PDB file of N, CA and C in Angstrom:
ATOM      1  N   MET A   1     -14.772   4.762  12.972  1.00  0.00           N
ATOM      2  CA  MET A   1     -14.644   5.871  12.415  1.00  0.00           C
ATOM      3  C   MET A   1     -14.772   5.666  11.396  1.00  0.00           C
ATOM      4  N   ASP A   2     -15.432   6.850  10.578  1.00  0.00           N
ATOM      5  CA  ASP A   2     -15.720   6.235   9.284  1.00  0.00           C
ATOM      6  C   ASP A   2     -14.505   6.549   8.357  1.00  0.00           C
ATOM      7  N   LYS A   3     -14.512   5.430   7.286  1.00  0.00           N
ATOM      8  CA  LYS A   3     -12.700   5.456   6.676  1.00  0.00           C
ATOM      9  C   LYS A   3     -12.792   6.007   5.567  1.00  0.00           C
ATOM     10  N   ILE A   4     -13.358   7.578   5.306  1.00  0.00           N
ATOM     11  CA  ILE A   4     -13.003   8.469   4.343  1.00  0.00           C
ATOM     12  C   ILE A   4     -12.449   9.107   5.214  1.00  0.00           C
ATOM     13  N   ILE A   5     -12.485   9.520   6.465  1.00  0.00           N
ATOM     14  CA  ILE A   5     -11.903  10.221   7.552  1.00  0.00           C
ATOM     15  C   ILE A   5     -10.552   9.448   7.798  1.00  0.00           C
ATOM     16  N   GLU A   6     -10.410   8.270   7.593  1.00  0.00           N
ATOM     17  CA  GLU A   6      -9.407   7.463   8.700  1.00  0.00           C
ATOM     18  C   GLU A   6      -8.442   7.223   7.467  1.00  0.00           C
ATOM     19  N   CYS A   7      -9.282   7.109   6.408  1.00  0.00           N
ATOM     20  CA  CYS A   7      -8.004   7.445   5.065  1.00  0.00           C
ATOM     21  C   CYS A   7      -7.184   8.332   4.786  1.00  0.00           C
ATOM     22  N   ARG A   8      -7.665   9.646   5.425  1.00  0.00           N
ATOM     23  CA  ARG A   8      -6.601  10.850   5.296  1.00  0.00           C
ATOM     24  C   ARG A   8      -5.576  10.655   6.628  1.00  0.00           C
ATOM     25  N   LYS A   9      -5.495   9.909   7.048  1.00  0.00           N
ATOM     26  CA  LYS A   9      -4.231   8.875   7.845  1.00  0.00           C
ATOM     27  C   LYS A   9      -3.137   8.317   7.101  1.00  0.00           C
ATOM     28  N   LEU A  10      -3.313   8.165   6.089  1.00  0.00           N
ATOM     29  CA  LEU A  10      -2.565   7.420   4.953  1.00  0.00           C
ATOM     30  C   LEU A  10      -1.650   8.392   4.134  1.00  0.00           C
ATOM     31  N   ARG A  11      -0.613   8.564   4.111  1.00  0.00           N
ATOM     32  CA  ARG A  11       0.349   9.279   3.766  1.00  0.00           C
ATOM     33  C   ARG A  11       0.900   8.552   2.681  1.00  0.00           C
ATOM     34  N   LEU A  12       1.573   9.029   1.498  1.00  0.00           N
ATOM     35  CA  LEU A  12       2.009   8.769   0.210  1.00  0.00           C
ATOM     36  C   LEU A  12       3.804   8.404   0.948  1.00  0.00           C
ATOM     37  N   TYR A  13       4.410   7.003   0.898  1.00  0.00           N
ATOM     38  CA  TYR A  13       5.231   6.404   0.442  1.00  0.00           C
ATOM     39  C   TYR A  13       5.918   6.681  -0.621  1.00  0.00           C
ATOM     40  N   PRO A  14       6.618   7.075  -0.810  1.00  0.00           N
ATOM     41  CA  PRO A  14       7.742   6.560  -1.923  1.00  0.00           C
ATOM     42  C   PRO A  14       8.672   5.246  -2.191  1.00  0.00           C
ATOM     43  N   ALA A  15       7.751   4.168  -2.669  1.00  0.00           N
ATOM     44  CA  ALA A  15       8.386   3.037  -2.496  1.00  0.00           C
ATOM     45  C   ALA A  15       7.264   2.436  -3.724  1.00  0.00           C
ATOM     46  N   VAL A  16       7.985   1.269  -4.046  1.00  0.00           N
ATOM     47  CA  VAL A  16       6.940   0.265  -5.569  1.00  0.00           C
ATOM     48  C   VAL A  16       7.469  -1.103  -5.088  1.00  0.00           C
ATOM     49  N   LEU A  17       6.129  -1.751  -5.785  1.00  0.00           N
ATOM     50  CA  LEU A  17       6.275  -3.324  -5.432  1.00  0.00           C
ATOM     51  C   LEU A  17       6.452  -3.721  -6.956  1.00  0.00           C
ATOM     52  N   PRO A  18       6.814  -5.300  -6.664  1.00  0.00           N
ATOM     53  CA  PRO A  18       7.262  -5.241  -7.977  1.00  0.00           C
ATOM     54  C   PRO A  18       6.187  -6.017  -8.969  1.00  0.00           C
ATOM     55  N   ASN A  19       6.268  -5.754 -10.007  1.00  0.00           N
ATOM     56  CA  ASN A  19       4.982  -5.550 -11.454  1.00  0.00           C
ATOM     57  C   ASN A  19       4.587  -7.236 -11.442  1.00  0.00           C
ATOM     58  N   ASN A  20       5.079  -8.405 -10.944  1.00  0.00           N
ATOM     59  CA  ASN A  20       4.714  -9.497 -10.930  1.00  0.00           C
ATOM     60  C   ASN A  20       3.872  -9.841  -9.642  1.00  0.00           C
ATOM     61  N   PHE A  21       2.714  -9.745  -9.856  1.00  0.00           N
ATOM     62  CA  PHE A  21       1.569  -9.661  -8.563  1.00  0.00           C
ATOM     63  C   PHE A  21       1.387 -11.258  -7.792  1.00  0.00           C
ATOM     64  N   HIS A  22       2.161 -12.429  -8.348  1.00  0.00           N
ATOM     65  CA  HIS A  22       2.401 -12.810  -7.014  1.00  0.00           C
ATOM     66  C   HIS A  22       3.640 -12.862  -6.089  1.00  0.00           C
ATOM     67  N   ASP A  23       4.591 -12.401  -6.947  1.00  0.00           N
ATOM     68  CA  ASP A  23       5.628 -12.221  -5.585  1.00  0.00           C
ATOM     69  C   ASP A  23       4.847 -10.811  -4.957  1.00  0.00           C
ATOM     70  N   ALA A  24       4.645  -9.990  -5.113  1.00  0.00           N
ATOM     71  CA  ALA A  24       3.553  -8.766  -4.406  1.00  0.00           C
ATOM     72  C   ALA A  24       2.844  -8.914  -3.270  1.00  0.00           C
ATOM     73  N   VAL A  25       2.206 -10.431  -3.932  1.00  0.00           N
ATOM     74  CA  VAL A  25       1.304 -10.450  -2.423  1.00  0.00           C
ATOM     75  C   VAL A  25       2.300 -11.647  -1.869  1.00  0.00           C
ATOM     76  N   LYS A  26       3.218 -12.070  -1.850  1.00  0.00           N
ATOM     77  CA  LYS A  26       3.993 -12.630  -0.458  1.00  0.00           C
ATOM     78  C   LYS A  26       4.599 -11.742   0.418  1.00  0.00           C
ATOM     79  N   MET A  27       4.884 -10.174  -0.617  1.00  0.00           N
ATOM     80  CA  MET A  27       5.186  -9.553   0.513  1.00  0.00           C
ATOM     81  C   MET A  27       4.185  -8.682   1.734  1.00  0.00           C
ATOM     82  N   LEU A  28       2.945  -9.424   1.347  1.00  0.00           N
ATOM     83  CA  LEU A  28       1.688  -8.879   2.216  1.00  0.00           C
ATOM     84  C   LEU A  28       0.946  -9.775   3.579  1.00  0.00           C
ATOM     85  N   ASN A  29       1.112  -8.950   4.448  1.00  0.00           N
ATOM     86  CA  ASN A  29       0.642  -9.576   5.948  1.00  0.00           C
ATOM     87  C   ASN A  29      -0.599  -9.394   5.813  1.00  0.00           C
ATOM     88  N   ARG A  30      -1.343 -10.221   6.505  1.00  0.00           N
ATOM     89  CA  ARG A  30      -2.842 -10.388   7.458  1.00  0.00           C
ATOM     90  C   ARG A  30      -2.648  -9.855   8.450  1.00  0.00           C
ATOM     91  N   PRO A  31      -3.720  -9.193   9.325  1.00  0.00           N
ATOM     92  CA  PRO A  31      -5.092  -9.085   8.884  1.00  0.00           C
ATOM     93  C   PRO A  31      -5.078  -7.807   7.321  1.00  0.00           C
ATOM     94  N   TYR A  32      -5.640  -8.073   7.105  1.00  0.00           N
ATOM     95  CA  TYR A  32      -6.045  -6.244   5.847  1.00  0.00           C
ATOM     96  C   TYR A  32      -7.459  -5.782   6.717  1.00  0.00           C
ATOM     97  N   GLU A  33      -7.097  -4.709   6.316  1.00  0.00           N
ATOM     98  CA  GLU A  33      -8.480  -3.423   6.995  1.00  0.00           C
ATOM     99  C   GLU A  33      -9.211  -3.096   5.229  1.00  0.00           C
ATOM    100  N   VAL A  34     -10.348  -3.961   5.742  1.00  0.00           N
ATOM    101  CA  VAL A  34     -11.677  -3.786   4.125  1.00  0.00           C
ATOM    102  C   VAL A  34     -11.634  -1.902   4.674  1.00  0.00           C
ATOM    103  N   ILE A  35     -11.966  -1.170   3.121  1.00  0.00           N
ATOM    104  CA  ILE A  35     -12.170  -0.267   2.583  1.00  0.00           C
ATOM    105  C   ILE A  35     -13.460  -0.386   1.307  1.00  0.00           C
ATOM    106  N   SER A  36     -14.085   0.867   1.384  1.00  0.00           N
ATOM    107  CA  SER A  36     -15.039   1.142   0.868  1.00  0.00           C
ATOM    108  C   SER A  36     -14.345   1.292  -0.798  1.00  0.00           C
ATOM    109  N   LYS A  37     -15.473   0.891  -2.179  1.00  0.00           N
ATOM    110  CA  LYS A  37     -15.357   1.233  -3.218  1.00  0.00           C
ATOM    111  C   LYS A  37     -14.749   2.761  -3.314  1.00  0.00           C
ATOM    112  N   LYS A  38     -15.085   3.763  -2.798  1.00  0.00           N
ATOM    113  CA  LYS A  38     -14.849   4.912  -2.846  1.00  0.00           C
ATOM    114  C   LYS A  38     -13.342   5.326  -2.402  1.00  0.00           C
ATOM    115  N   VAL A  39     -13.342   5.072  -0.777  1.00  0.00           N
ATOM    116  CA  VAL A  39     -11.801   5.100  -0.503  1.00  0.00           C
ATOM    117  C   VAL A  39     -11.094   4.591  -1.371  1.00  0.00           C
ATOM    118  N   TYR A  40     -11.018   3.465  -1.852  1.00  0.00           N
ATOM    119  CA  TYR A  40     -10.070   2.435  -2.975  1.00  0.00           C
ATOM    120  C   TYR A  40      -9.974   3.584  -4.087  1.00  0.00           C
ATOM    121  N   GLU A  41     -10.850   3.797  -4.508  1.00  0.00           N
ATOM    122  CA  GLU A  41     -10.400   4.640  -5.898  1.00  0.00           C
ATOM    123  C   GLU A  41      -9.972   5.856  -5.548  1.00  0.00           C
ATOM    124  N   TYR A  42     -10.069   6.849  -4.310  1.00  0.00           N
ATOM    125  CA  TYR A  42      -9.518   7.740  -3.810  1.00  0.00           C
ATOM    126  C   TYR A  42      -7.758   7.891  -3.764  1.00  0.00           C
ATOM    127  N   LEU A  43      -8.084   6.614  -2.987  1.00  0.00           N
ATOM    128  CA  LEU A  43      -6.839   6.303  -2.728  1.00  0.00           C
ATOM    129  C   LEU A  43      -5.738   5.723  -4.187  1.00  0.00           C
ATOM    130  N   LEU A  44      -6.350   5.195  -4.367  1.00  0.00           N
ATOM    131  CA  LEU A  44      -5.721   5.076  -6.135  1.00  0.00           C
ATOM    132  C   LEU A  44      -5.279   5.725  -6.858  1.00  0.00           C
ATOM    133  N   ARG A  45      -5.849   7.427  -7.268  1.00  0.00           N
ATOM    134  CA  ARG A  45      -5.521   8.414  -7.994  1.00  0.00           C
ATOM    135  C   ARG A  45      -4.420   9.000  -7.445  1.00  0.00           C
ATOM    136  N   LYS A  46      -4.161   8.801  -5.964  1.00  0.00           N
ATOM    137  CA  LYS A  46      -3.187   9.877  -5.488  1.00  0.00           C
ATOM    138  C   LYS A  46      -1.992   8.838  -5.930  1.00  0.00           C
ATOM    139  N   LEU A  47      -1.937   7.595  -5.959  1.00  0.00           N
ATOM    140  CA  LEU A  47      -0.924   6.850  -6.225  1.00  0.00           C
ATOM    141  C   LEU A  47      -0.106   7.076  -7.477  1.00  0.00           C
ATOM    142  N   LYS A  48      -1.768   7.435  -8.404  1.00  0.00           N
ATOM    143  CA  LYS A  48      -1.623   7.720  -9.849  1.00  0.00           C
ATOM    144  C   LYS A  48      -0.766   8.542 -10.200  1.00  0.00           C
ATOM    145  N   LYS A  49      -0.812   9.774  -8.783  1.00  0.00           N
ATOM    146  CA  LYS A  49      -0.545  10.785  -9.481  1.00  0.00           C
ATOM    147  C   LYS A  49       1.239  10.633  -9.337  1.00  0.00           C
ATOM    148  N   THR A  50       1.815   9.420  -8.491  1.00  0.00           N
ATOM    149  CA  THR A  50       2.610   9.829  -8.027  1.00  0.00           C
ATOM    150  C   THR A  50       3.565   8.725  -8.642  1.00  0.00           C
ATOM    151  N   GLY A  51       3.056   7.725  -9.173  1.00  0.00           N
ATOM    152  CA  GLY A  51       3.819   6.276  -9.505  1.00  0.00           C
ATOM    153  C   GLY A  51       4.060   5.388  -8.283  1.00  0.00           C
ATOM    154  N   TYR A  52       3.537   5.814  -6.944  1.00  0.00           N
ATOM    155  CA  TYR A  52       4.054   4.902  -6.134  1.00  0.00           C
ATOM    156  C   TYR A  52       3.235   4.298  -5.613  1.00  0.00           C
ATOM    157  N   ASP A  53       3.418   2.813  -5.138  1.00  0.00           N
ATOM    158  CA  ASP A  53       2.255   1.630  -4.696  1.00  0.00           C
ATOM    159  C   ASP A  53       1.712   1.854  -2.984  1.00  0.00           C
ATOM    160  N   CYS A  54       2.732   2.673  -2.318  1.00  0.00           N
ATOM    161  CA  CYS A  54       2.464   2.525  -0.988  1.00  0.00           C
ATOM    162  C   CYS A  54       2.253   3.481  -0.556  1.00  0.00           C
ATOM    163  N   PHE A  55       1.696   3.334   0.808  1.00  0.00           N
ATOM    164  CA  PHE A  55       1.328   4.839   2.188  1.00  0.00           C
ATOM    165  C   PHE A  55       2.438   4.128   3.561  1.00  0.00           C
ATOM    166  N   MET A  56       2.449   5.413   4.354  1.00  0.00           N
ATOM    167  CA  MET A  56       2.467   5.307   5.511  1.00  0.00           C
ATOM    168  C   MET A  56       1.315   5.339   6.113  1.00  0.00           C
ATOM    169  N   TYR A  57       0.994   4.044   7.330  1.00  0.00           N
ATOM    170  CA  TYR A  57      -0.586   4.287   7.787  1.00  0.00           C
ATOM    171  C   TYR A  57      -0.235   3.452   9.177  1.00  0.00           C
ATOM    172  N   LYS A  58      -0.693   4.006  10.067  1.00  0.00           N
ATOM    173  CA  LYS A  58      -0.095   3.548  11.394  1.00  0.00           C
ATOM    174  C   LYS A  58       1.071   2.738  11.210  1.00  0.00           C
ATOM    175  N   GLY A  59       2.195   3.503  11.371  1.00  0.00           N
ATOM    176  CA  GLY A  59       3.450   3.021  11.445  1.00  0.00           C
ATOM    177  C   GLY A  59       4.005   2.272  10.448  1.00  0.00           C
ATOM    178  N   GLN A  60       2.920   1.928   9.551  1.00  0.00           N
ATOM    179  CA  GLN A  60       3.416   0.537   8.344  1.00  0.00           C
ATOM    180  C   GLN A  60       3.498   1.146   7.378  1.00  0.00           C
ATOM    181  N   ILE A  61       4.113   0.111   6.492  1.00  0.00           N
ATOM    182  CA  ILE A  61       4.376   0.591   4.810  1.00  0.00           C
ATOM    183  C   ILE A  61       3.168  -0.593   4.073  1.00  0.00           C
ATOM    184  N   VAL A  62       2.215   0.219   3.781  1.00  0.00           N
ATOM    185  CA  VAL A  62       0.935  -0.434   3.453  1.00  0.00           C
ATOM    186  C   VAL A  62       0.529  -0.372   1.524  1.00  0.00           C
ATOM    187  N   THR A  63      -0.251  -0.953   1.320  1.00  0.00           N
ATOM    188  CA  THR A  63      -0.496  -0.936  -0.101  1.00  0.00           C
ATOM    189  C   THR A  63      -2.007  -1.010  -0.414  1.00  0.00           C
ATOM    190  N   ILE A  64      -2.822  -0.757  -1.299  1.00  0.00           N
ATOM    191  CA  ILE A  64      -3.764  -1.049  -0.886  1.00  0.00           C
ATOM    192  C   ILE A  64      -4.364  -1.965  -2.446  1.00  0.00           C
ATOM    193  N   GLY A  65      -6.184  -2.766  -2.677  1.00  0.00           N
ATOM    194  CA  GLY A  65      -5.822  -3.790  -3.497  1.00  0.00           C
ATOM    195  C   GLY A  65      -7.134  -4.169  -3.079  1.00  0.00           C
ATOM    196  N   ASN A  66      -7.285  -5.490  -4.285  1.00  0.00           N
ATOM    197  CA  ASN A  66      -9.067  -6.047  -4.034  1.00  0.00           C
ATOM    198  C   ASN A  66      -8.571  -7.088  -2.756  1.00  0.00           C
ATOM    199  N   ALA A  67      -9.422  -7.932  -2.430  1.00  0.00           N
ATOM    200  CA  ALA A  67      -9.137  -8.480  -1.680  1.00  0.00           C
ATOM    201  C   ALA A  67     -10.502  -9.463  -0.923  1.00  0.00           C
ATOM    202  N   ASP A  68     -10.159 -10.415  -0.385  1.00  0.00           N
ATOM    203  CA  ASP A  68     -11.500 -11.405  -0.171  1.00  0.00           C
ATOM    204  C   ASP A  68     -13.121 -10.569  -0.614  1.00  0.00           C
ATOM    205  N   GLY A  69     -13.033 -10.879  -2.247  1.00  0.00           N
ATOM    206  CA  GLY A  69     -14.236 -10.196  -2.330  1.00  0.00           C
ATOM    207  C   GLY A  69     -14.523  -8.576  -2.616  1.00  0.00           C
ATOM    208  N   GLY A  70     -13.406  -7.563  -2.435  1.00  0.00           N
ATOM    209  CA  GLY A  70     -14.098  -6.256  -1.775  1.00  0.00           C
ATOM    210  C   GLY A  70     -12.431  -5.569  -1.885  1.00  0.00           C
ATOM    211  N   TYR A  71     -12.462  -4.226  -0.836  1.00  0.00           N
ATOM    212  CA  TYR A  71     -10.719  -3.413  -1.343  1.00  0.00           C
ATOM    213  C   TYR A  71     -10.757  -3.312  -0.070  1.00  0.00           C
ATOM    214  N   ALA A  72      -8.980  -3.504   0.281  1.00  0.00           N
ATOM    215  CA  ALA A  72      -8.591  -3.394   1.479  1.00  0.00           C
ATOM    216  C   ALA A  72      -7.395  -2.930   1.677  1.00  0.00           C
ATOM    217  N   ILE A  73      -6.554  -2.215   2.874  1.00  0.00           N
ATOM    218  CA  ILE A  73      -5.626  -1.722   2.830  1.00  0.00           C
ATOM    219  C   ILE A  73      -4.426  -2.844   3.403  1.00  0.00           C
ATOM    220  N   MET A  74      -3.772  -3.249   2.268  1.00  0.00           N
ATOM    221  CA  MET A  74      -2.583  -4.403   3.244  1.00  0.00           C
ATOM    222  C   MET A  74      -1.308  -4.156   3.555  1.00  0.00           C
ATOM    223  N   PRO A  75      -0.985  -4.111   4.500  1.00  0.00           N
ATOM    224  CA  PRO A  75       0.771  -3.916   5.505  1.00  0.00           C
ATOM    225  C   PRO A  75       1.246  -5.162   4.385  1.00  0.00           C
ATOM    226  N   LEU A  76       2.670  -4.304   4.327  1.00  0.00           N
ATOM    227  CA  LEU A  76       3.408  -5.073   4.201  1.00  0.00           C
ATOM    228  C   LEU A  76       4.435  -6.324   4.745  1.00  0.00           C
ATOM    229  N   ASN A  77       4.534  -7.418   4.918  1.00  0.00           N
ATOM    230  CA  ASN A  77       5.356  -7.799   5.773  1.00  0.00           C
ATOM    231  C   ASN A  77       6.274  -7.071   6.892  1.00  0.00           C
ATOM    232  N   LYS A  78       6.641  -7.665   7.945  1.00  0.00           N
ATOM    233  CA  LYS A  78       7.915  -6.524   8.533  1.00  0.00           C
ATOM    234  C   LYS A  78       9.353  -6.754   7.739  1.00  0.00           C
ATOM    235  N   LYS A  79       9.453  -8.138   7.533  1.00  0.00           N
ATOM    236  CA  LYS A  79      10.926  -8.049   6.423  1.00  0.00           C
ATOM    237  C   LYS A  79      11.163  -6.861   4.981  1.00  0.00           C
ATOM    238  N   TYR A  80       9.612  -6.556   4.835  1.00  0.00           N
ATOM    239  CA  TYR A  80       9.971  -4.917   3.952  1.00  0.00           C
ATOM    240  C   TYR A  80       9.302  -3.845   4.474  1.00  0.00           C
ATOM    241  N   GLN A  81       9.360  -3.676   5.777  1.00  0.00           N
ATOM    242  CA  GLN A  81       9.229  -2.407   6.310  1.00  0.00           C
ATOM    243  C   GLN A  81      10.446  -1.777   5.524  1.00  0.00           C
ATOM    244  N   GLN A  82      11.614  -2.268   5.423  1.00  0.00           N
ATOM    245  CA  GLN A  82      12.581  -1.423   5.073  1.00  0.00           C
ATOM    246  C   GLN A  82      13.327  -1.935   4.351  1.00  0.00           C
ATOM    247  N   SER A  83      13.590  -1.005   2.998  1.00  0.00           N
ATOM    248  CA  SER A  83      13.880  -0.696   1.696  1.00  0.00           C
ATOM    249  C   SER A  83      14.919  -1.443   1.421  1.00  0.00           C
ATOM    250  N   ASN A  84      15.337  -2.089   0.529  1.00  0.00           N
ATOM    251  CA  ASN A  84      16.743  -2.443   0.168  1.00  0.00           C
ATOM    252  C   ASN A  84      17.502  -1.914  -0.902  1.00  0.00           C
ATOM    253  N   LYS A  85      16.623  -0.671  -1.625  1.00  0.00           N
ATOM    254  CA  LYS A  85      17.284  -0.349  -2.501  1.00  0.00           C
ATOM    255  C   LYS A  85      16.475   1.123  -3.066  1.00  0.00           C
ATOM    256  N   ILE A  86      17.326   1.741  -3.123  1.00  0.00           N
ATOM    257  CA  ILE A  86      16.687   3.642  -3.451  1.00  0.00           C
ATOM    258  C   ILE A  86      17.217   3.821  -4.886  1.00  0.00           C
ATOM    259  N   CYS A  87      16.394   4.000  -5.811  1.00  0.00           N
ATOM    260  CA  CYS A  87      16.842   4.880  -7.194  1.00  0.00           C
ATOM    261  C   CYS A  87      15.472   5.854  -7.550  1.00  0.00           C
ATOM    262  N   LYS A  88      16.946   7.113  -7.535  1.00  0.00           N
ATOM    263  CA  LYS A  88      16.111   7.939  -7.827  1.00  0.00           C
ATOM    264  C   LYS A  88      14.971   8.377  -6.749  1.00  0.00           C
ATOM    265  N   GLY A  89      15.343   8.238  -5.519  1.00  0.00           N
ATOM    266  CA  GLY A  89      14.578   8.791  -4.649  1.00  0.00           C
ATOM    267  C   GLY A  89      13.270   7.491  -4.327  1.00  0.00           C
ATOM    268  N   ILE A  90      13.171   6.674  -5.018  1.00  0.00           N
ATOM    269  CA  ILE A  90      11.919   6.038  -4.369  1.00  0.00           C
ATOM    270  C   ILE A  90      12.930   4.440  -4.387  1.00  0.00           C
ATOM    271  N   ARG A  91      12.204   4.007  -3.249  1.00  0.00           N
ATOM    272  CA  ARG A  91      12.376   3.165  -2.337  1.00  0.00           C
ATOM    273  C   ARG A  91      11.469   1.453  -3.084  1.00  0.00           C
ATOM    274  N   ILE A  92      12.469   0.876  -3.894  1.00  0.00           N
ATOM    275  CA  ILE A  92      11.992  -0.307  -4.572  1.00  0.00           C
ATOM    276  C   ILE A  92      11.912  -1.480  -4.077  1.00  0.00           C
ATOM    277  N   LEU A  93      10.898  -2.095  -3.578  1.00  0.00           N
ATOM    278  CA  LEU A  93      10.621  -2.970  -2.463  1.00  0.00           C
ATOM    279  C   LEU A  93      10.665  -4.363  -3.369  1.00  0.00           C
ATOM    280  N   THR A  94      11.622  -5.476  -3.354  1.00  0.00           N
ATOM    281  CA  THR A  94      11.651  -6.857  -3.677  1.00  0.00           C
ATOM    282  C   THR A  94      11.418  -7.746  -2.868  1.00  0.00           C
ATOM    283  N   PRO A  95      11.047  -8.755  -3.416  1.00  0.00           N
ATOM    284  CA  PRO A  95      10.932  -9.987  -2.520  1.00  0.00           C
ATOM    285  C   PRO A  95      12.017 -11.142  -2.396  1.00  0.00           C
TER     286      PRO A  95
END
């Protein structure tokens, strides 16, 4: 299926990841789903408008980023699928 159509299945999810790159990466779970640069940039614009870092996709909390020389949708580990702190309506996900 065309990834541009597929990306419409991603719904913004009010959550933020840690600012520390290494802490955030520890929260991710492979396999990642490869996306094009065009799709990545589209999704990134949606995140920047809200200040969120995550989407809900196929029943999981996911984020997007650079991976393996390209761009990807990256699911969070099961441990982080449930948030542990809510601040002003945004879930703060912590490692």
